[in-house]
Amino acid sequence: MDTQEREWMHDLRNAANAVGISVTLGRRLVADGDHVRALEALDRAEVALVRIRDLLRGSAHRPAEPPRE
């Protein structure tokens, strides 16, 4: 695996971890009744999913944009 492939895999793993952490946090916040912060956590998960999509499409040079309200 060359340097570019390793960087791509690293970026993909980071984004996947961000999704997992954000969703887990979102669930805990919902359970605690903190819906505003839960939505913020889910927004971060959505941004990370956009990053994953861009990486898989080969358009990773574009920064992920936060979801629109």
Protein backbone atom coordinates (compact mmCIF):
# COMPACT_ATOMS: atom_id res chain seq x y z
CA MET A 1 0.00 0.00 0.00
CA ASP A 2 1.50 3.33 -1.01
CA THR A 3 1.41 6.58 0.96
CA GLN A 4 -1.64 7.95 -0.85
CA GLU A 5 -3.61 4.75 -0.22
CA ARG A 6 -2.63 4.77 3.46
CA GLU A 7 -3.75 8.39 3.81
CA TRP A 8 -7.06 7.58 2.09
CA MET A 9 -7.64 4.61 4.40
CA HIS A 10 -6.73 6.73 7.43
CA ASP A 11 -9.20 9.44 6.38
CA LEU A 12 -11.92 6.84 5.76
CA ARG A 13 -11.39 5.23 9.16
CA ASN A 14 -11.40 8.61 10.91
CA ALA A 15 -14.69 9.56 9.29
CA ALA A 16 -16.25 6.17 10.14
CA ASN A 17 -15.14 6.55 13.77
CA ALA A 18 -16.61 10.06 13.85
CA VAL A 19 -19.96 8.65 12.72
CA GLY A 20 -19.92 5.96 15.39
CA ILE A 21 -18.96 8.33 18.18
CA SER A 22 -21.49 10.97 17.13
CA VAL A 23 -24.35 8.48 16.87
CA THR A 24 -23.50 6.95 20.25
CA LEU A 25 -23.36 10.39 21.82
CA GLY A 26 -26.62 11.35 20.11
CA ARG A 27 -28.38 8.31 21.57
CA ARG A 28 -27.15 9.10 25.07
CA LEU A 29 -28.23 12.71 24.76
CA VAL A 30 -31.71 11.67 23.57
CA ALA A 31 -31.96 9.30 26.55
CA ASP A 32 -31.03 12.21 28.82
CA GLY A 33 -33.65 14.43 27.17
CA ASP A 34 -31.07 16.81 25.66
CA HIS A 35 -32.53 16.90 22.17
CA VAL A 36 -30.73 20.04 21.03
CA ARG A 37 -27.29 18.60 21.68
CA ALA A 38 -28.42 15.24 20.28
CA LEU A 39 -29.29 16.93 17.00
CA GLU A 40 -25.88 18.62 16.98
CA ALA A 41 -24.22 15.21 17.42
CA LEU A 42 -26.30 13.80 14.57
CA ASP A 43 -25.32 16.77 12.41
CA ARG A 44 -21.67 15.88 13.03
CA ALA A 45 -22.41 12.28 12.05
CA GLU A 46 -24.00 13.52 8.83
CA VAL A 47 -20.94 15.63 8.01
CA ALA A 48 -18.73 12.58 8.54
CA LEU A 49 -20.98 10.51 6.27
CA VAL A 50 -20.62 13.14 3.55
CA ARG A 51 -16.85 12.87 4.01
CA ILE A 52 -17.05 9.09 3.60
CA ARG A 53 -19.17 9.47 0.48
CA ASP A 54 -16.68 11.94 -0.97
CA LEU A 55 -13.76 9.64 -0.18
CA LEU A 56 -15.49 6.71 -1.84
CA ARG A 57 -16.35 8.80 -4.90
CA GLY A 58 -12.79 10.03 -5.16
CA SER A 59 -13.73 13.64 -4.50
CA ALA A 60 -12.08 13.87 -1.09
CA HIS A 61 -10.40 17.15 -1.95
CA ARG A 62 -13.71 18.91 -1.28
CA PRO A 63 -14.32 19.67 2.40
CA ALA A 64 -17.53 18.28 3.83
CA GLU A 65 -20.16 20.93 4.40
CA PRO A 66 -22.43 20.90 7.44
CA PRO A 67 -26.04 19.93 6.76
CA ARG A 68 -28.45 22.73 5.93
CA GLU A 69 -31.41 23.39 8.18
